[in-house]
Amino acid sequence: MIHCRRLRLLVFLGCVLLAAGLITTPSRAASEIQLSKGQTVYVPIYSHIYIGDRERPFLLAATLSIRNTDPDHQITILSVDYYDSDGKLLKHYLKQPQQLNPMASSRYIVSESDKSGGSGANFIVKWKSEPEVNEPIIEGVMIGTKAQQGISFLSRGRSIRNK
């Protein structure tokens, strides 16, 4: 009797989780793959953050990582531009478009000593592909150490325009 109630409760909870979308079925997971022929992607970058009551800057090195997640097709990175907290363009990282092979990655560095971007800096990345491909993963990875303290975190890029 107790075993039957537990089984019914587990089945009920499973149905609730499935309905809430917390458990995905294979067909639902497959439908979430996003294909695109290109995008403009905004990536938050922090050349420093503030610590303590006096808001002292804690300098960070930042790495912009672009990962082609498509196993069959290359993508073309058209531009990688770095902006400061006020929206002023600080640097063009590419002189010409760059091919990124299937499953390959590329990185762009903002050194720890470069605090020109400020705490609200960002990258704008533009990419394209002839066939529709899996969207690349574009992230900012920030890391800094000072004395015996260290900090690291990442920020995920967000598409702001599709091709």
N, C-alpha and C. Protein backbone atom coordinates (compact mmCIF):
# COMPACT_ATOMS: atom_id res chain seq x y z
N MET A 1 0.82 -1.19 0.00
CA MET A 1 0.00 0.00 0.00
C MET A 1 0.87 1.27 0.00
N ILE A 2 1.85 1.32 0.90
CA ILE A 2 2.75 2.47 0.97
C ILE A 2 3.56 2.58 -0.31
N HIS A 3 4.03 1.42 -0.82
CA HIS A 3 4.81 1.39 -2.05
C HIS A 3 3.99 1.95 -3.22
N CYS A 4 2.72 1.63 -3.28
CA CYS A 4 1.83 2.11 -4.35
C CYS A 4 1.67 3.63 -4.29
N ARG A 5 1.51 4.19 -3.09
CA ARG A 5 1.38 5.63 -2.92
C ARG A 5 2.66 6.34 -3.36
N ARG A 6 3.81 5.81 -2.98
CA ARG A 6 5.09 6.41 -3.37
C ARG A 6 5.25 6.40 -4.89
N LEU A 7 4.87 5.29 -5.50
CA LEU A 7 4.97 5.18 -6.95
C LEU A 7 4.08 6.21 -7.63
N ARG A 8 2.83 6.34 -7.14
CA ARG A 8 1.91 7.34 -7.71
C ARG A 8 2.45 8.76 -7.51
N LEU A 9 3.03 9.03 -6.35
CA LEU A 9 3.60 10.34 -6.06
C LEU A 9 4.78 10.63 -7.00
N LEU A 10 5.64 9.65 -7.21
CA LEU A 10 6.77 9.83 -8.12
C LEU A 10 6.31 10.07 -9.56
N VAL A 11 5.31 9.33 -10.00
CA VAL A 11 4.76 9.52 -11.34
C VAL A 11 4.15 10.92 -11.46
N PHE A 12 3.40 11.33 -10.43
CA PHE A 12 2.79 12.66 -10.44
C PHE A 12 3.86 13.75 -10.50
N LEU A 13 4.91 13.65 -9.66
CA LEU A 13 5.98 14.64 -9.65
C LEU A 13 6.71 14.68 -10.99
N GLY A 14 6.93 13.52 -11.58
CA GLY A 14 7.56 13.46 -12.90
C GLY A 14 6.74 14.18 -13.95
N CYS A 15 5.42 13.99 -13.91
CA CYS A 15 4.54 14.68 -14.86
C CYS A 15 4.56 16.19 -14.65
N VAL A 16 4.58 16.61 -13.39
CA VAL A 16 4.64 18.05 -13.08
C VAL A 16 5.93 18.64 -13.60
N LEU A 17 7.07 17.98 -13.36
CA LEU A 17 8.37 18.47 -13.84
C LEU A 17 8.42 18.50 -15.36
N LEU A 18 7.88 17.49 -15.99
CA LEU A 18 7.85 17.44 -17.46
C LEU A 18 7.01 18.58 -18.00
N ALA A 19 5.85 18.81 -17.40
CA ALA A 19 4.96 19.88 -17.85
C ALA A 19 5.60 21.25 -17.62
N ALA A 20 6.36 21.39 -16.54
CA ALA A 20 7.01 22.67 -16.23
C ALA A 20 8.24 22.90 -17.11
N GLY A 21 8.66 21.88 -17.85
CA GLY A 21 9.80 22.04 -18.73
C GLY A 21 11.14 21.81 -18.07
N LEU A 22 11.12 21.29 -16.85
CA LEU A 22 12.37 21.04 -16.14
C LEU A 22 13.03 19.74 -16.58
N ILE A 23 12.26 18.86 -17.19
CA ILE A 23 12.80 17.65 -17.79
C ILE A 23 12.52 17.77 -19.28
N THR A 24 13.55 17.62 -20.12
CA THR A 24 13.32 17.75 -21.55
C THR A 24 13.32 16.38 -22.19
N THR A 25 12.46 16.23 -23.16
CA THR A 25 12.42 15.01 -23.95
C THR A 25 13.40 15.17 -25.10
N PRO A 26 13.87 14.09 -25.71
CA PRO A 26 14.81 14.22 -26.83
C PRO A 26 14.29 15.10 -27.95
N SER A 27 13.01 15.04 -28.27
CA SER A 27 12.48 15.87 -29.36
C SER A 27 12.51 17.35 -28.98
N ARG A 28 12.27 17.66 -27.72
CA ARG A 28 12.31 19.06 -27.30
C ARG A 28 13.74 19.57 -27.31
N ALA A 29 14.68 18.78 -26.81
CA ALA A 29 16.08 19.20 -26.78
C ALA A 29 16.59 19.44 -28.20
N ALA A 30 16.21 18.59 -29.15
CA ALA A 30 16.67 18.76 -30.53
C ALA A 30 16.10 20.02 -31.15
N SER A 31 14.88 20.39 -30.78
CA SER A 31 14.28 21.59 -31.37
C SER A 31 14.91 22.86 -30.83
N GLU A 32 15.68 22.80 -29.75
CA GLU A 32 16.30 23.98 -29.18
C GLU A 32 17.62 24.34 -29.84
N ILE A 33 18.13 23.52 -30.76
CA ILE A 33 19.35 23.85 -31.48
C ILE A 33 19.05 25.03 -32.38
N GLN A 34 19.82 26.10 -32.22
CA GLN A 34 19.60 27.30 -32.99
C GLN A 34 20.54 27.34 -34.19
N LEU A 35 19.98 27.47 -35.38
CA LEU A 35 20.76 27.59 -36.60
C LEU A 35 20.68 29.02 -37.10
N SER A 36 21.77 29.48 -37.71
CA SER A 36 21.80 30.86 -38.19
C SER A 36 22.79 30.97 -39.33
N LYS A 37 22.62 32.02 -40.14
CA LYS A 37 23.58 32.35 -41.19
C LYS A 37 24.46 33.52 -40.79
N GLY A 38 24.26 34.04 -39.58
CA GLY A 38 25.08 35.13 -39.11
C GLY A 38 24.39 35.95 -38.04
N GLN A 39 25.18 36.65 -37.25
CA GLN A 39 24.64 37.45 -36.16
C GLN A 39 25.60 38.59 -35.81
N THR A 40 25.06 39.55 -35.10
CA THR A 40 25.85 40.53 -34.37
C THR A 40 25.64 40.19 -32.90
N VAL A 41 26.74 39.98 -32.16
CA VAL A 41 26.66 39.50 -30.78
C VAL A 41 27.31 40.52 -29.84
N TYR A 42 26.59 40.86 -28.78
CA TYR A 42 27.07 41.76 -27.73
C TYR A 42 27.62 40.91 -26.59
N VAL A 43 28.87 41.21 -26.15
CA VAL A 43 29.49 40.46 -25.06
C VAL A 43 29.96 41.43 -23.98
N PRO A 44 29.37 41.40 -22.78
CA PRO A 44 29.86 42.26 -21.69
C PRO A 44 31.28 41.87 -21.28
N ILE A 45 32.12 42.86 -21.08
CA ILE A 45 33.51 42.65 -20.65
C ILE A 45 33.78 43.63 -19.51
N TYR A 46 34.50 43.17 -18.52
CA TYR A 46 34.84 44.00 -17.36
C TYR A 46 36.35 44.11 -17.28
N SER A 47 36.90 45.31 -17.57
CA SER A 47 38.34 45.48 -17.42
C SER A 47 38.67 45.69 -15.94
N HIS A 48 37.68 46.05 -15.17
CA HIS A 48 37.82 46.08 -13.71
C HIS A 48 36.43 46.06 -13.07
N ILE A 49 36.42 45.65 -11.82
CA ILE A 49 35.22 45.72 -11.00
C ILE A 49 35.60 46.49 -9.75
N TYR A 50 34.64 46.86 -8.96
CA TYR A 50 34.92 47.65 -7.76
C TYR A 50 34.75 46.81 -6.51
N ILE A 51 35.66 47.00 -5.55
CA ILE A 51 35.60 46.25 -4.30
C ILE A 51 35.63 47.21 -3.11
N GLY A 52 35.04 46.78 -2.03
CA GLY A 52 35.07 47.52 -0.77
C GLY A 52 34.17 48.74 -0.76
N ASP A 53 34.06 49.33 0.42
CA ASP A 53 33.22 50.51 0.59
C ASP A 53 33.75 51.71 -0.18
N ARG A 54 35.04 51.76 -0.42
CA ARG A 54 35.63 52.89 -1.14
C ARG A 54 35.65 52.69 -2.65
N GLU A 55 35.04 51.60 -3.10
CA GLU A 55 34.93 51.28 -4.52
C GLU A 55 36.28 51.34 -5.23
N ARG A 56 37.24 50.63 -4.65
CA ARG A 56 38.56 50.54 -5.28
C ARG A 56 38.48 49.63 -6.50
N PRO A 57 39.11 50.04 -7.62
CA PRO A 57 39.09 49.18 -8.80
C PRO A 57 39.96 47.94 -8.60
N PHE A 58 39.45 46.81 -9.03
CA PHE A 58 40.17 45.53 -9.03
C PHE A 58 40.35 45.18 -10.51
N LEU A 59 41.59 45.31 -10.99
CA LEU A 59 41.87 45.13 -12.42
C LEU A 59 41.75 43.67 -12.83
N LEU A 60 41.22 43.46 -14.04
CA LEU A 60 40.99 42.12 -14.56
C LEU A 60 41.55 41.99 -15.97
N ALA A 61 42.08 40.83 -16.27
CA ALA A 61 42.39 40.48 -17.66
C ALA A 61 41.12 39.86 -18.24
N ALA A 62 40.87 40.13 -19.50
CA ALA A 62 39.66 39.60 -20.14
C ALA A 62 40.04 38.86 -21.42
N THR A 63 39.40 37.72 -21.62
CA THR A 63 39.58 36.95 -22.84
C THR A 63 38.22 36.81 -23.50
N LEU A 64 38.13 37.24 -24.76
CA LEU A 64 36.94 37.00 -25.56
C LEU A 64 37.17 35.68 -26.28
N SER A 65 36.28 34.73 -26.08
CA SER A 65 36.39 33.41 -26.70
C SER A 65 35.26 33.22 -27.70
N ILE A 66 35.62 32.85 -28.93
CA ILE A 66 34.63 32.55 -29.97
C ILE A 66 34.84 31.10 -30.36
N ARG A 67 33.80 30.27 -30.19
CA ARG A 67 33.90 28.84 -30.46
C ARG A 67 32.88 28.43 -31.52
N ASN A 68 33.38 27.92 -32.62
CA ASN A 68 32.51 27.42 -33.67
C ASN A 68 32.00 26.05 -33.23
N THR A 69 30.72 25.96 -32.94
CA THR A 69 30.14 24.71 -32.44
C THR A 69 29.61 23.82 -33.54
N ASP A 70 29.74 24.25 -34.80
CA ASP A 70 29.24 23.44 -35.90
C ASP A 70 30.29 22.40 -36.30
N PRO A 71 29.94 21.11 -36.30
CA PRO A 71 30.92 20.07 -36.62
C PRO A 71 31.22 19.94 -38.11
N ASP A 72 30.44 20.60 -38.97
CA ASP A 72 30.59 20.40 -40.41
C ASP A 72 30.98 21.63 -41.22
N HIS A 73 30.72 22.83 -40.71
CA HIS A 73 30.90 24.03 -41.51
C HIS A 73 31.73 25.08 -40.79
N GLN A 74 32.52 25.81 -41.57
CA GLN A 74 33.27 26.93 -41.00
C GLN A 74 32.36 28.16 -40.93
N ILE A 75 32.77 29.11 -40.10
CA ILE A 75 32.10 30.40 -40.04
C ILE A 75 33.16 31.46 -40.34
N THR A 76 32.70 32.64 -40.70
CA THR A 76 33.60 33.75 -40.94
C THR A 76 33.34 34.81 -39.89
N ILE A 77 34.38 35.17 -39.15
CA ILE A 77 34.27 36.26 -38.19
C ILE A 77 34.57 37.54 -38.97
N LEU A 78 33.59 38.41 -39.05
CA LEU A 78 33.71 39.63 -39.83
C LEU A 78 34.38 40.76 -39.07
N SER A 79 34.04 40.89 -37.79
CA SER A 79 34.64 41.97 -36.97
C SER A 79 34.57 41.61 -35.50
N VAL A 80 35.56 42.11 -34.77
CA VAL A 80 35.64 41.99 -33.32
C VAL A 80 36.05 43.37 -32.83
N ASP A 81 35.08 44.12 -32.29
CA ASP A 81 35.33 45.51 -31.89
C ASP A 81 35.11 45.68 -30.39
N TYR A 82 36.03 46.42 -29.76
CA TYR A 82 36.02 46.63 -28.30
C TYR A 82 35.59 48.06 -28.00
N TYR A 83 34.58 48.21 -27.12
CA TYR A 83 34.01 49.50 -26.76
C TYR A 83 34.16 49.75 -25.26
N ASP A 84 34.24 51.02 -24.88
CA ASP A 84 34.33 51.36 -23.46
C ASP A 84 32.94 51.54 -22.85
N SER A 85 32.90 51.90 -21.59
CA SER A 85 31.64 52.05 -20.84
C SER A 85 30.72 53.11 -21.44
N ASP A 86 31.30 54.09 -22.15
CA ASP A 86 30.50 55.15 -22.76
C ASP A 86 30.09 54.83 -24.19
N GLY A 87 30.45 53.64 -24.69
CA GLY A 87 30.09 53.26 -26.05
C GLY A 87 31.08 53.72 -27.10
N LYS A 88 32.23 54.23 -26.67
CA LYS A 88 33.26 54.70 -27.60
C LYS A 88 34.10 53.51 -28.08
N LEU A 89 34.28 53.41 -29.40
CA LEU A 89 35.10 52.34 -29.97
C LEU A 89 36.55 52.54 -29.55
N LEU A 90 37.14 51.51 -28.93
CA LEU A 90 38.53 51.58 -28.50
C LEU A 90 39.48 50.86 -29.44
N LYS A 91 39.03 49.73 -30.02
CA LYS A 91 39.95 48.94 -30.83
C LYS A 91 39.21 48.00 -31.76
N HIS A 92 39.69 47.96 -33.02
CA HIS A 92 39.27 46.92 -33.97
C HIS A 92 40.28 45.79 -33.84
N TYR A 93 39.83 44.60 -33.47
CA TYR A 93 40.75 43.48 -33.29
C TYR A 93 41.06 42.76 -34.60
N LEU A 94 40.24 42.93 -35.63
CA LEU A 94 40.48 42.25 -36.91
C LEU A 94 40.75 43.28 -38.00
N LYS A 95 41.78 43.02 -38.80
CA LYS A 95 42.05 43.86 -39.97
C LYS A 95 41.30 43.34 -41.18
N GLN A 96 41.02 42.04 -41.20
CA GLN A 96 40.27 41.41 -42.28
C GLN A 96 39.48 40.24 -41.71
N PRO A 97 38.45 39.79 -42.40
CA PRO A 97 37.66 38.66 -41.89
C PRO A 97 38.53 37.43 -41.64
N GLN A 98 38.13 36.64 -40.64
CA GLN A 98 38.88 35.45 -40.24
C GLN A 98 37.98 34.22 -40.34
N GLN A 99 38.48 33.17 -40.97
CA GLN A 99 37.75 31.91 -41.06
C GLN A 99 37.96 31.12 -39.77
N LEU A 100 36.90 30.52 -39.28
CA LEU A 100 36.98 29.68 -38.10
C LEU A 100 36.44 28.30 -38.49
N ASN A 101 37.33 27.33 -38.54
CA ASN A 101 36.98 25.99 -39.00
C ASN A 101 35.98 25.31 -38.06
N PRO A 102 35.34 24.23 -38.52
CA PRO A 102 34.42 23.50 -37.65
C PRO A 102 35.09 23.09 -36.34
N MET A 103 34.43 23.33 -35.26
CA MET A 103 34.86 22.97 -33.90
C MET A 103 36.11 23.73 -33.44
N ALA A 104 36.53 24.75 -34.17
CA ALA A 104 37.71 25.54 -33.80
C ALA A 104 37.29 26.72 -32.91
N SER A 105 38.28 27.33 -32.27
CA SER A 105 38.00 28.50 -31.44
C SER A 105 39.06 29.56 -31.68
N SER A 106 38.71 30.77 -31.29
CA SER A 106 39.59 31.91 -31.43
C SER A 106 39.48 32.75 -30.17
N ARG A 107 40.53 33.48 -29.84
CA ARG A 107 40.51 34.29 -28.63
C ARG A 107 41.10 35.66 -28.88
N TYR A 108 40.64 36.62 -28.10
CA TYR A 108 41.11 38.01 -28.17
C TYR A 108 41.28 38.49 -26.73
N ILE A 109 42.41 39.12 -26.45
CA ILE A 109 42.78 39.44 -25.08
C ILE A 109 42.75 40.95 -24.81
N VAL A 110 42.21 41.30 -23.65
CA VAL A 110 42.36 42.65 -23.11
C VAL A 110 43.22 42.46 -21.87
N SER A 111 44.41 43.03 -21.88
CA SER A 111 45.35 42.80 -20.78
C SER A 111 44.86 43.44 -19.48
N GLU A 112 45.34 42.91 -18.39
CA GLU A 112 44.93 43.39 -17.07
C GLU A 112 45.28 44.87 -16.87
N SER A 113 46.38 45.31 -17.45
CA SER A 113 46.80 46.70 -17.27
C SER A 113 45.97 47.68 -18.11
N ASP A 114 45.19 47.18 -19.06
CA ASP A 114 44.36 48.03 -19.91
C ASP A 114 43.03 48.28 -19.24
N LYS A 115 42.92 49.41 -18.57
CA LYS A 115 41.66 49.72 -17.89
C LYS A 115 40.81 50.72 -18.67
N SER A 116 41.14 50.93 -19.94
CA SER A 116 40.44 51.93 -20.75
C SER A 116 38.96 51.59 -20.97
N GLY A 117 38.61 50.31 -20.97
CA GLY A 117 37.22 49.92 -21.20
C GLY A 117 36.30 50.24 -20.04
N GLY A 118 36.83 50.13 -18.85
CA GLY A 118 36.01 50.39 -17.67
C GLY A 118 35.16 49.19 -17.29
N SER A 119 34.32 49.39 -16.31
CA SER A 119 33.50 48.28 -15.80
C SER A 119 32.32 47.96 -16.70
N GLY A 120 32.05 48.80 -17.69
CA GLY A 120 30.93 48.55 -18.60
C GLY A 120 31.37 48.31 -20.03
N ALA A 121 32.60 47.87 -20.22
CA ALA A 121 33.12 47.63 -21.58
C ALA A 121 32.38 46.48 -22.25
N ASN A 122 32.53 46.38 -23.57
CA ASN A 122 31.89 45.29 -24.30
C ASN A 122 32.58 45.05 -25.63
N PHE A 123 32.37 43.86 -26.15
CA PHE A 123 32.76 43.53 -27.51
C PHE A 123 31.50 43.41 -28.36
N ILE A 124 31.62 43.82 -29.60
CA ILE A 124 30.60 43.54 -30.60
C ILE A 124 31.27 42.63 -31.63
N VAL A 125 30.73 41.43 -31.80
CA VAL A 125 31.28 40.44 -32.72
C VAL A 125 30.26 40.22 -33.82
N LYS A 126 30.73 40.30 -35.08
CA LYS A 126 29.87 39.99 -36.22
C LYS A 126 30.45 38.77 -36.92
N TRP A 127 29.57 37.81 -37.23
CA TRP A 127 30.00 36.61 -37.93
C TRP A 127 28.95 36.23 -38.97
N LYS A 128 29.37 35.40 -39.94
CA LYS A 128 28.44 34.92 -40.96
C LYS A 128 28.85 33.53 -41.42
N SER A 129 27.93 32.89 -42.14
CA SER A 129 28.18 31.59 -42.75
C SER A 129 27.25 31.46 -43.95
N GLU A 130 27.70 30.76 -44.98
CA GLU A 130 26.84 30.56 -46.16
C GLU A 130 25.69 29.61 -45.83
N PRO A 131 25.96 28.38 -45.37
CA PRO A 131 24.81 27.56 -44.95
C PRO A 131 24.42 27.95 -43.52
N GLU A 132 23.22 27.58 -43.12
CA GLU A 132 22.85 27.75 -41.71
C GLU A 132 23.71 26.82 -40.88
N VAL A 133 24.22 27.32 -39.77
CA VAL A 133 25.10 26.54 -38.89
C VAL A 133 24.65 26.68 -37.44
N ASN A 134 25.18 25.81 -36.59
CA ASN A 134 24.97 25.96 -35.15
C ASN A 134 25.55 27.30 -34.74
N GLU A 135 24.83 28.02 -33.89
CA GLU A 135 25.35 29.30 -33.41
C GLU A 135 26.64 29.08 -32.63
N PRO A 136 27.64 29.92 -32.83
CA PRO A 136 28.87 29.78 -32.04
C PRO A 136 28.61 30.19 -30.59
N ILE A 137 29.46 29.72 -29.71
CA ILE A 137 29.44 30.18 -28.32
C ILE A 137 30.45 31.31 -28.22
N ILE A 138 29.99 32.47 -27.77
CA ILE A 138 30.85 33.64 -27.66
C ILE A 138 30.75 34.13 -26.22
N GLU A 139 31.90 34.10 -25.51
CA GLU A 139 31.92 34.42 -24.08
C GLU A 139 33.09 35.32 -23.75
N GLY A 140 32.93 36.05 -22.66
CA GLY A 140 34.03 36.80 -22.07
C GLY A 140 34.42 36.11 -20.78
N VAL A 141 35.72 35.89 -20.60
CA VAL A 141 36.24 35.28 -19.38
C VAL A 141 37.14 36.31 -18.71
N MET A 142 36.80 36.69 -17.50
CA MET A 142 37.56 37.68 -16.76
C MET A 142 38.27 37.02 -15.58
N ILE A 143 39.51 37.43 -15.34
CA ILE A 143 40.27 36.88 -14.22
C ILE A 143 41.24 37.93 -13.70
N GLY A 144 41.41 37.95 -12.39
CA GLY A 144 42.36 38.87 -11.78
C GLY A 144 42.83 38.33 -10.45
N THR A 145 44.06 38.68 -10.09
CA THR A 145 44.60 38.31 -8.78
C THR A 145 45.30 39.52 -8.19
N LYS A 146 45.23 39.61 -6.89
CA LYS A 146 45.87 40.71 -6.17
C LYS A 146 46.14 40.22 -4.76
N ALA A 147 47.40 40.28 -4.36
CA ALA A 147 47.82 39.75 -3.07
C ALA A 147 47.41 38.28 -2.98
N GLN A 148 46.57 37.94 -2.03
CA GLN A 148 46.11 36.56 -1.89
C GLN A 148 44.67 36.39 -2.33
N GLN A 149 44.18 37.37 -3.08
CA GLN A 149 42.79 37.31 -3.52
C GLN A 149 42.74 37.10 -5.03
N GLY A 150 41.83 36.27 -5.46
CA GLY A 150 41.65 36.04 -6.89
C GLY A 150 40.17 36.02 -7.22
N ILE A 151 39.87 36.41 -8.45
CA ILE A 151 38.48 36.40 -8.89
C ILE A 151 38.45 36.00 -10.35
N SER A 152 37.44 35.24 -10.72
CA SER A 152 37.23 34.89 -12.13
C SER A 152 35.74 34.66 -12.36
N PHE A 153 35.29 35.03 -13.53
CA PHE A 153 33.89 34.82 -13.90
C PHE A 153 33.77 34.95 -15.41
N LEU A 154 32.62 34.58 -15.94
CA LEU A 154 32.42 34.72 -17.37
C LEU A 154 31.10 35.39 -17.67
N SER A 155 31.01 35.93 -18.88
CA SER A 155 29.76 36.52 -19.35
C SER A 155 29.48 35.95 -20.73
N ARG A 156 28.26 35.61 -20.97
CA ARG A 156 27.84 34.99 -22.23
C ARG A 156 27.40 36.08 -23.20
N GLY A 157 27.80 35.94 -24.46
CA GLY A 157 27.37 36.87 -25.48
C GLY A 157 25.89 36.71 -25.78
N ARG A 158 25.29 37.77 -26.28
CA ARG A 158 23.87 37.76 -26.60
C ARG A 158 23.66 38.35 -27.99
N SER A 159 22.95 37.62 -28.83
CA SER A 159 22.68 38.10 -30.18
C SER A 159 21.79 39.32 -30.12
N ILE A 160 22.23 40.38 -30.80
CA ILE A 160 21.42 41.62 -30.85
C ILE A 160 20.90 41.88 -32.26
N ARG A 161 21.39 41.09 -33.23
CA ARG A 161 20.91 41.22 -34.60
C ARG A 161 21.23 39.94 -35.37
N ASN A 162 20.25 39.42 -36.08
CA ASN A 162 20.48 38.27 -36.96
C ASN A 162 20.72 38.76 -38.37
N LYS A 163 21.47 37.96 -39.12
CA LYS A 163 21.79 38.33 -40.50
C LYS A 163 20.54 38.45 -41.33
